[in-house]
Amino acid sequence: MAKTNLKQYFPMIRTRQEIVAEISGNTHLTKLFACWEPRRQEEFLNFCSGAKGCKVLYDTFFKQVMDPNRYPDRLETFLSLLLHKKVKIVSVFSNESRIAAEDSLLIMDILVKMEDGSLANVEMQKQGYKFPGQRTACYSADLLLRQYQRVKSEKREQGQKFTYRDIKKVYTIVLFEHSPAECKALPEQYIHFGRFQFDTGLKIEMPQEFIYIALDIFRIILHNRGIAAGINNDLDAWLTFLCEDDPEIIVELFLRYPYFKLLYEDLYGMCAELEEIMGYFSKELEEIDKNTVQYMIEEMQQDIEVLQKRIDEKQIELCEKIAEIEEKDTKIIEKNAEINEKNVKISEKETQISEKEAQISEKEAQINEREAQISEKDAIILEKIAEIDDLKKKLSEFTNG
């Protein structure tokens, strides 16, 4: 079965051959096209020829179809569905002075004031950044402070007194094309609403609210369930429009929701101006490359911090081990000193024993000598006794004779 090509529904789309021919016939466009990576060249030719849908989340395309100055009703409709209330945009502000002017991986950033005085900051991130909670809190705080300063200044100019009742809601809405790990941990949820609340149930209204939309997770769910089951309401239709480039899904979307066909016509009207759209696309690629580098730097920085933490922990463990070894060495030295002292005492005792043994040996020699002398004297005594006995015998014989 032949693949769906959007040219069937949007006659202003040119064929791939026509686009390549125009690029080849223009030296400037040929050089520009040659600067792109092959996969980027293919991406450009695919969406310009209708083989794929336009990347609506590219800044150029998004602002073309969702520019609140030109088409306020479109963003109003999207915000109304998202915030569950009727939204009317009364003004659009520049975000140039906000702290997000840093390299924050933002692709698109729109700040609007609504009829009830509340502010909505809608931003899209190509790559989910690190520490999303901390960043969003800082952006929201910056937005709240700017509202405070502006409202206070307006009240002063009008000769009125400022009160904190004048501070209205501040919505920070983040669309992730590739969501951070925190969102991926909840693979069945793609819209996350957040606000401040107290654990006791204390009812105090806090002006800051947050909405994270994980478009990559929505897209996975949509593809798994199919468009019939995956698009359950108007908000799902908007999310499909924002993230989907499959021609078959796009056709099914605007057949079910004809409103979106007009938006796609705007996009393909842009693609008809080849030199202009190639210039826009080059800027998009530069911004994507810049943000990819920034994201990689943040990834590396986090890895470095983790490694440094491990090194510090290992260093502490090593210092503790060295301290233990030194303590054991001290104990060993003390034990050796005790042993040496005991050895000296033992040597002294052995010397004393040797001396005693020598004395005993000498005494034994003396005793042996005395015993020999006694034995010798005993022999003489016995000899004398024998002589006396013999004399007694002779005397007796003489007397009897």
Protein backbone atom coordinates (compact mmCIF):
# COMPACT_ATOMS: atom_id res chain seq x y z
CA MET A 1 0.00 0.00 0.00
CA ALA A 2 1.37 3.43 -1.01
CA LYS A 3 2.38 5.71 1.82
CA THR A 4 0.25 8.78 2.47
CA ASN A 5 1.72 12.01 1.11
CA LEU A 6 0.30 15.27 2.41
CA LYS A 7 0.49 16.82 -1.08
CA GLN A 8 -2.81 15.03 -1.78
CA TYR A 9 -4.47 17.36 0.76
CA PHE A 10 -2.33 20.49 0.40
CA PRO A 11 -1.81 21.39 -3.30
CA MET A 12 0.75 24.09 -2.49
CA ILE A 13 3.27 21.37 -1.49
CA ARG A 14 5.86 20.74 -4.18
CA THR A 15 7.39 17.42 -5.12
CA ARG A 16 10.81 16.38 -3.88
CA GLN A 17 12.18 16.67 -7.42
CA GLU A 18 10.93 20.25 -7.76
CA ILE A 19 12.49 21.26 -4.45
CA VAL A 20 15.86 19.63 -5.28
CA ALA A 21 15.82 21.31 -8.71
CA GLU A 22 15.28 24.76 -7.19
CA ILE A 23 18.05 24.22 -4.65
CA SER A 24 20.45 23.00 -7.36
CA GLY A 25 19.65 26.04 -9.52
CA ASN A 26 20.55 28.52 -6.77
CA THR A 27 24.22 28.75 -5.69
CA HIS A 28 23.38 30.22 -2.27
CA LEU A 29 20.77 27.52 -1.53
CA THR A 30 23.12 24.78 -2.77
CA LYS A 31 25.87 25.92 -0.37
CA LEU A 32 23.39 26.24 2.48
CA PHE A 33 21.95 22.79 1.81
CA ALA A 34 25.43 21.27 1.62
CA CYS A 35 26.24 22.61 5.11
CA TRP A 36 23.60 20.40 6.68
CA GLU A 37 24.16 16.83 7.82
CA PRO A 38 22.62 14.22 5.47
CA ARG A 39 19.91 13.36 8.03
CA ARG A 40 18.98 17.05 8.28
CA GLN A 41 18.86 17.35 4.48
CA GLU A 42 16.52 14.36 4.40
CA GLU A 43 14.37 15.81 7.18
CA PHE A 44 14.02 19.11 5.30
CA LEU A 45 13.11 17.45 2.00
CA ASN A 46 10.62 15.15 3.74
CA PHE A 47 8.54 17.86 5.41
CA CYS A 48 8.75 20.28 2.48
CA SER A 49 7.55 17.59 0.05
CA GLY A 50 4.79 16.27 2.34
CA ALA A 51 6.45 12.89 2.94
CA LYS A 52 6.45 13.91 6.61
CA GLY A 53 4.62 16.50 8.62
CA CYS A 54 6.27 19.78 9.62
CA LYS A 55 8.05 19.91 12.96
CA VAL A 56 5.44 22.10 14.62
CA LEU A 57 7.59 22.50 17.72
CA TYR A 58 10.34 24.20 15.76
CA ASP A 59 10.31 27.83 16.85
CA THR A 60 9.67 29.16 13.34
CA PHE A 61 6.70 26.88 12.69
CA PHE A 62 5.19 27.22 16.15
CA LYS A 63 5.27 31.00 16.07
CA GLN A 64 3.82 30.98 12.56
CA VAL A 65 0.70 29.07 13.57
CA MET A 66 0.48 30.06 17.26
CA ASP A 67 1.63 33.69 17.22
CA PRO A 68 -0.63 35.29 19.88
CA ASN A 69 -0.35 38.66 18.16
CA ARG A 70 -1.62 37.35 14.80
CA TYR A 71 -3.78 34.42 15.91
CA PRO A 72 -4.67 34.94 19.60
CA ASP A 73 -7.63 32.54 19.32
CA ARG A 74 -5.33 29.58 18.67
CA LEU A 75 -3.23 29.96 21.81
CA GLU A 76 -6.37 30.96 23.72
CA THR A 77 -8.04 27.70 22.69
CA PHE A 78 -5.01 25.62 23.68
CA LEU A 79 -4.63 27.39 27.05
CA SER A 80 -8.38 27.15 27.75
CA LEU A 81 -8.24 23.38 27.30
CA LEU A 82 -5.09 23.09 29.37
CA LEU A 83 -6.17 25.34 32.25
CA HIS A 84 -9.80 24.18 32.27
CA LYS A 85 -11.13 27.72 32.05
CA LYS A 86 -11.99 30.27 29.37
CA VAL A 87 -8.83 32.16 28.42
CA LYS A 88 -8.69 35.55 26.70
CA ILE A 89 -5.25 36.98 25.84
CA VAL A 90 -5.03 40.75 26.26
CA SER A 91 -1.29 41.30 25.73
CA VAL A 92 1.94 39.57 24.80
CA PHE A 93 5.20 40.32 26.62
CA SER A 94 8.81 39.98 25.63
CA ASN A 95 10.81 37.50 27.68
CA GLU A 96 14.18 38.95 26.78
CA SER A 97 14.92 40.22 30.29
CA ARG A 98 13.97 37.04 32.12
CA ILE A 99 16.56 34.83 33.74
CA ALA A 100 15.78 32.22 31.09
CA ALA A 101 17.84 34.35 28.71
CA GLU A 102 20.65 32.10 29.91
CA ASP A 103 21.42 28.99 27.84
CA SER A 104 18.36 27.17 29.12
CA LEU A 105 17.72 24.74 26.26
CA LEU A 106 14.54 26.57 25.33
CA ILE A 107 13.37 26.28 21.72
CA MET A 108 10.22 28.38 22.08
CA ASP A 109 9.12 30.80 24.76
CA ILE A 110 5.89 32.85 24.80
CA LEU A 111 4.62 35.01 27.67
CA VAL A 112 1.03 36.29 27.62
CA LYS A 113 -1.29 38.17 29.95
CA MET A 114 -4.87 36.94 30.16
CA GLU A 115 -8.10 38.82 30.70
CA ASP A 116 -8.24 37.99 34.41
CA GLY A 117 -4.75 39.46 34.87
CA SER A 118 -2.99 36.11 35.22
CA LEU A 119 0.17 35.34 33.25
CA ALA A 120 1.03 32.24 31.27
CA ASN A 121 4.55 31.44 30.20
CA VAL A 122 4.54 28.72 27.53
CA GLU A 123 7.92 27.25 26.70
CA MET A 124 9.03 24.24 24.71
CA GLN A 125 12.22 22.35 25.33
CA LYS A 126 13.79 20.13 22.72
CA GLN A 127 15.73 18.20 25.35
CA GLY A 128 14.55 17.88 28.93
CA TYR A 129 17.09 19.68 31.09
CA LYS A 130 18.60 18.64 34.38
CA PHE A 131 16.99 19.81 37.63
CA PRO A 132 13.64 20.74 35.98
CA GLY A 133 11.98 21.53 39.31
CA GLN A 134 14.63 23.99 40.41
CA ARG A 135 14.70 25.69 37.03
CA THR A 136 10.93 25.98 36.73
CA ALA A 137 10.70 27.37 40.26
CA CYS A 138 13.28 30.04 39.39
CA TYR A 139 11.50 30.98 36.14
CA SER A 140 8.16 31.17 37.93
CA ALA A 141 9.64 33.29 40.72
CA ASP A 142 11.18 35.60 38.12
CA LEU A 143 7.83 35.90 36.36
CA LEU A 144 6.03 36.61 39.65
CA LEU A 145 8.53 39.30 40.58
CA ARG A 146 8.18 40.95 37.17
CA GLN A 147 4.40 40.97 37.59
CA TYR A 148 4.79 42.52 41.04
CA GLN A 149 7.08 45.26 39.73
CA ARG A 150 4.88 45.99 36.72
CA VAL A 151 1.60 46.08 38.66
CA LYS A 152 3.12 48.25 41.40
CA SER A 153 4.42 50.67 38.78
CA GLU A 154 1.03 50.78 37.01
CA LYS A 155 -0.77 51.46 40.30
CA ARG A 156 1.65 54.26 41.09
CA GLU A 157 1.10 55.85 37.66
CA GLN A 158 -2.67 55.63 38.18
CA GLY A 159 -2.41 57.20 41.62
CA GLN A 160 -3.71 54.04 43.26
CA LYS A 161 -2.35 52.06 46.17
CA PHE A 162 -0.86 48.66 45.47
CA THR A 163 -2.08 45.67 47.47
CA TYR A 164 -1.09 42.05 47.19
CA ARG A 165 -4.65 41.33 46.05
CA ASP A 166 -3.47 42.74 42.71
CA ILE A 167 -1.10 39.78 42.21
CA LYS A 168 -2.71 37.24 39.86
CA LYS A 169 -1.96 33.66 38.93
CA VAL A 170 1.30 32.82 37.19
CA TYR A 171 1.25 29.67 35.07
CA THR A 172 4.52 28.12 33.92
CA ILE A 173 3.76 25.66 31.12
CA VAL A 174 6.60 23.50 29.82
CA LEU A 175 6.26 21.28 26.74
CA PHE A 176 9.00 18.65 26.54
CA GLU A 177 9.77 17.15 23.16
CA HIS A 178 12.14 14.78 24.96
CA SER A 179 11.13 14.74 28.60
CA PRO A 180 13.51 14.44 31.58
CA ALA A 181 14.00 11.25 33.58
CA GLU A 182 11.51 12.37 36.22
CA CYS A 183 8.70 12.31 33.63
CA LYS A 184 9.84 9.04 32.09
CA ALA A 185 9.46 7.43 35.52
CA LEU A 186 5.68 7.79 34.97
CA PRO A 187 5.22 6.26 31.47
CA GLU A 188 1.40 6.35 31.60
CA GLN A 189 1.16 10.06 32.49
CA TYR A 190 1.97 12.89 30.11
CA ILE A 191 0.38 15.98 31.73
CA HIS A 192 1.48 16.97 35.23
CA PHE A 193 -0.21 19.81 37.15
CA GLY A 194 1.50 21.26 40.20
CA ARG A 195 0.75 23.91 42.81
CA PHE A 196 1.73 24.78 46.37
CA GLN A 197 -0.40 23.36 49.18
CA PHE A 198 -0.12 22.84 52.93
CA ASP A 199 -0.07 19.41 54.55
CA THR A 200 -2.62 20.53 57.16
CA GLY A 201 -5.24 21.47 54.59
CA LEU A 202 -4.73 25.19 55.29
CA LYS A 203 -6.58 27.10 52.56
CA ILE A 204 -4.28 29.88 51.37
CA GLU A 205 -4.19 30.68 47.68
CA MET A 206 -0.70 30.64 46.19
CA PRO A 207 -0.29 32.35 42.80
CA GLN A 208 2.20 29.97 41.18
CA GLU A 209 1.05 26.93 39.22
CA PHE A 210 3.03 24.59 36.97
CA ILE A 211 2.18 22.30 34.08
CA TYR A 212 4.62 19.83 32.49
CA ILE A 213 3.60 18.17 29.21
CA ALA A 214 5.72 15.18 28.15
CA LEU A 215 5.00 15.06 24.41
CA ASP A 216 7.29 12.08 23.83
CA ILE A 217 5.29 10.00 26.33
CA PHE A 218 2.01 11.16 24.77
CA ARG A 219 3.32 10.17 21.34
CA ILE A 220 4.27 6.68 22.57
CA ILE A 221 0.80 6.22 24.07
CA LEU A 222 -0.82 7.51 20.87
CA HIS A 223 1.14 5.07 18.71
CA ASN A 224 0.45 2.16 21.07
CA ARG A 225 -3.31 2.80 21.28
CA GLY A 226 -3.89 4.16 17.80
CA ILE A 227 -5.41 7.54 16.98
CA ALA A 228 -9.00 6.36 17.56
CA ALA A 229 -8.27 5.40 21.17
CA GLY A 230 -5.33 7.75 21.73
CA ILE A 231 -7.17 11.03 21.03
CA ASN A 232 -9.98 11.25 23.56
CA ASN A 233 -10.63 14.99 23.59
CA ASP A 234 -9.73 18.35 22.06
CA LEU A 235 -6.60 18.70 24.23
CA ASP A 236 -5.27 15.35 22.97
CA ALA A 237 -5.92 16.62 19.43
CA TRP A 238 -3.78 19.69 20.13
CA LEU A 239 -0.97 17.55 21.56
CA THR A 240 -1.12 15.37 18.46
CA PHE A 241 -0.83 18.45 16.27
CA LEU A 242 2.18 19.64 18.26
CA CYS A 243 4.20 16.44 18.30
CA GLU A 244 3.15 14.23 15.38
CA ASP A 245 4.77 14.20 11.90
CA ASP A 246 3.36 10.92 10.59
CA PRO A 247 1.25 11.86 7.49
CA GLU A 248 -1.36 9.16 8.15
CA ILE A 249 -1.96 10.38 11.69
CA ILE A 250 -1.98 14.02 10.53
CA VAL A 251 -4.63 13.27 7.89
CA GLU A 252 -6.76 11.35 10.38
CA LEU A 253 -6.36 14.23 12.84
CA PHE A 254 -7.67 16.98 10.57
CA LEU A 255 -10.40 14.74 9.17
CA ARG A 256 -11.68 14.29 12.74
CA TYR A 257 -10.83 17.87 13.75
CA PRO A 258 -11.06 20.05 10.57
CA TYR A 259 -9.85 23.07 12.58
CA PHE A 260 -6.27 21.84 12.28
CA LYS A 261 -6.26 21.71 8.48
CA LEU A 262 -6.08 25.51 8.42
CA LEU A 263 -3.02 25.40 10.68
CA TYR A 264 -1.30 22.88 8.41
CA GLU A 265 -2.10 25.09 5.40
CA ASP A 266 -0.26 27.94 7.13
CA LEU A 267 2.75 25.70 7.66
CA TYR A 268 2.89 24.45 4.08
CA GLY A 269 2.38 27.98 2.84
CA MET A 270 5.69 28.77 4.57
CA CYS A 271 7.36 25.77 2.93
CA ALA A 272 6.43 27.14 -0.49
CA GLU A 273 8.90 30.01 0.10
CA LEU A 274 11.95 27.78 -0.24
CA GLU A 275 14.76 30.32 0.33
CA GLU A 276 13.03 31.77 3.38
CA ILE A 277 12.20 28.40 4.92
CA MET A 278 15.76 27.15 4.35
CA GLY A 279 17.05 30.20 6.21
CA TYR A 280 14.65 29.52 9.09
CA PHE A 281 15.62 25.84 9.12
CA SER A 282 19.33 26.69 9.29
CA LYS A 283 18.69 28.89 12.32
CA GLU A 284 16.68 26.10 13.93
CA LEU A 285 19.57 23.68 13.41
CA GLU A 286 22.04 26.17 14.89
CA GLU A 287 19.81 26.58 17.95
CA ILE A 288 19.34 22.82 18.27
CA ASP A 289 23.11 22.26 18.02
CA LYS A 290 23.73 24.98 20.59
CA ASN A 291 21.16 23.51 22.97
CA THR A 292 22.48 19.99 22.41
CA VAL A 293 25.97 21.18 23.35
CA GLN A 294 24.54 22.94 26.41
CA TYR A 295 22.64 19.80 27.39
CA MET A 296 25.78 17.69 26.97
CA ILE A 297 27.72 20.19 29.07
CA GLU A 298 25.09 19.89 31.80
CA GLU A 299 25.20 16.10 31.53
CA MET A 300 29.00 16.15 31.78
CA GLN A 301 28.88 18.65 34.62
CA GLN A 302 26.51 16.40 36.53
CA ASP A 303 28.76 13.39 35.84
CA ILE A 304 31.76 15.41 37.03
CA GLU A 305 29.89 16.39 40.19
CA VAL A 306 28.93 12.77 40.83
CA LEU A 307 32.51 11.63 40.26
CA GLN A 308 33.84 14.45 42.45
CA LYS A 309 31.42 13.40 45.20
CA ARG A 310 32.64 9.82 44.90
CA ILE A 311 36.26 10.98 44.98
CA ASP A 312 35.53 13.09 48.07
CA GLU A 313 33.83 10.13 49.74
CA LYS A 314 36.76 7.86 48.82
CA GLN A 315 39.16 10.52 50.11
CA ILE A 316 37.30 10.63 53.43
CA GLU A 317 37.33 6.82 53.61
CA LEU A 318 41.04 6.82 52.80
CA CYS A 319 41.76 9.41 55.50
CA GLU A 320 39.74 7.35 57.98
CA LYS A 321 41.66 4.21 56.96
CA ILE A 322 44.98 6.03 57.33
CA ALA A 323 43.90 7.26 60.76
CA GLU A 324 42.94 3.70 61.73
CA ILE A 325 46.29 2.39 60.44
CA GLU A 326 48.19 5.11 62.29
CA GLU A 327 46.23 4.31 65.45
CA LYS A 328 47.02 0.61 65.01
CA ASP A 329 50.69 1.47 64.32
CA THR A 330 50.79 3.47 67.54
CA LYS A 331 49.33 0.53 69.46
CA ILE A 332 51.82 -1.83 67.79
CA ILE A 333 54.71 0.46 68.75
CA GLU A 334 53.38 0.60 72.32
CA LYS A 335 53.03 -3.21 72.37
CA ASN A 336 56.54 -3.61 70.96
CA ALA A 337 57.85 -1.28 73.68
CA GLU A 338 56.05 -3.37 76.30
CA ILE A 339 57.45 -6.58 74.77
CA ASN A 340 60.95 -5.11 74.63
CA GLU A 341 60.64 -4.04 78.25
CA LYS A 342 59.45 -7.54 79.20
CA ASN A 343 62.28 -9.04 77.14
CA VAL A 344 64.79 -6.93 79.06
CA LYS A 345 63.27 -8.10 82.34
CA ILE A 346 63.32 -11.69 81.09
CA SER A 347 66.97 -11.29 80.08
CA GLU A 348 67.74 -9.93 83.52
CA LYS A 349 65.89 -12.85 85.10
CA GLU A 350 67.71 -15.30 82.84
CA THR A 351 71.02 -13.72 83.85
CA GLN A 352 70.04 -14.01 87.51
CA ILE A 353 68.99 -17.62 86.97
CA SER A 354 72.25 -18.35 85.16
CA GLU A 355 74.14 -16.83 88.04
CA LYS A 356 72.08 -18.87 90.52
CA GLU A 357 72.65 -22.00 88.46
CA ALA A 358 76.39 -21.27 88.42
CA GLN A 359 76.31 -20.81 92.17
CA ILE A 360 74.35 -24.03 92.55
CA SER A 361 76.80 -25.86 90.31
CA GLU A 362 79.65 -24.49 92.36
CA LYS A 363 77.91 -25.56 95.57
CA GLU A 364 77.22 -28.96 94.09
CA ALA A 365 80.91 -29.26 93.18
CA GLN A 366 81.84 -28.30 96.69
CA ILE A 367 79.33 -30.80 98.08
CA ASN A 368 80.68 -33.50 95.77
CA GLU A 369 84.20 -32.65 96.88
CA ARG A 370 83.11 -32.78 100.54
CA GLU A 371 81.33 -36.01 99.90
CA ALA A 372 84.50 -37.39 98.30
CA GLN A 373 86.51 -36.22 101.26
CA ILE A 374 83.94 -37.79 103.61
CA SER A 375 84.04 -41.02 101.62
CA GLU A 376 87.82 -40.99 101.80
CA LYS A 377 87.70 -40.40 105.54
CA ASP A 378 85.05 -43.07 105.91
CA ALA A 379 87.38 -45.48 104.13
CA ILE A 380 90.23 -44.53 106.46
CA ILE A 381 87.91 -44.92 109.46
CA LEU A 382 86.80 -48.31 108.24
CA GLU A 383 90.40 -49.26 107.67
CA LYS A 384 91.24 -48.08 111.19
CA ILE A 385 88.26 -49.97 112.59
CA ALA A 386 89.46 -53.09 110.80
CA GLU A 387 92.97 -52.60 112.24
CA ILE A 388 91.45 -52.09 115.71
CA ASP A 389 89.30 -55.20 115.30
CA ASP A 390 92.39 -57.13 114.24
CA LEU A 391 94.36 -55.80 117.23
CA LYS A 392 91.44 -56.69 119.49
CA LYS A 393 91.45 -60.19 118.10
CA LYS A 394 95.17 -60.58 118.55
CA LEU A 395 94.89 -59.15 122.08
CA SER A 396 92.17 -61.60 122.90
CA GLU A 397 94.19 -64.51 121.62
CA PHE A 398 97.19 -63.34 123.52
CA THR A 399 95.23 -62.95 126.70
CA ASN A 400 93.58 -66.36 126.40
CA GLY A 401 96.80 -68.07 125.46
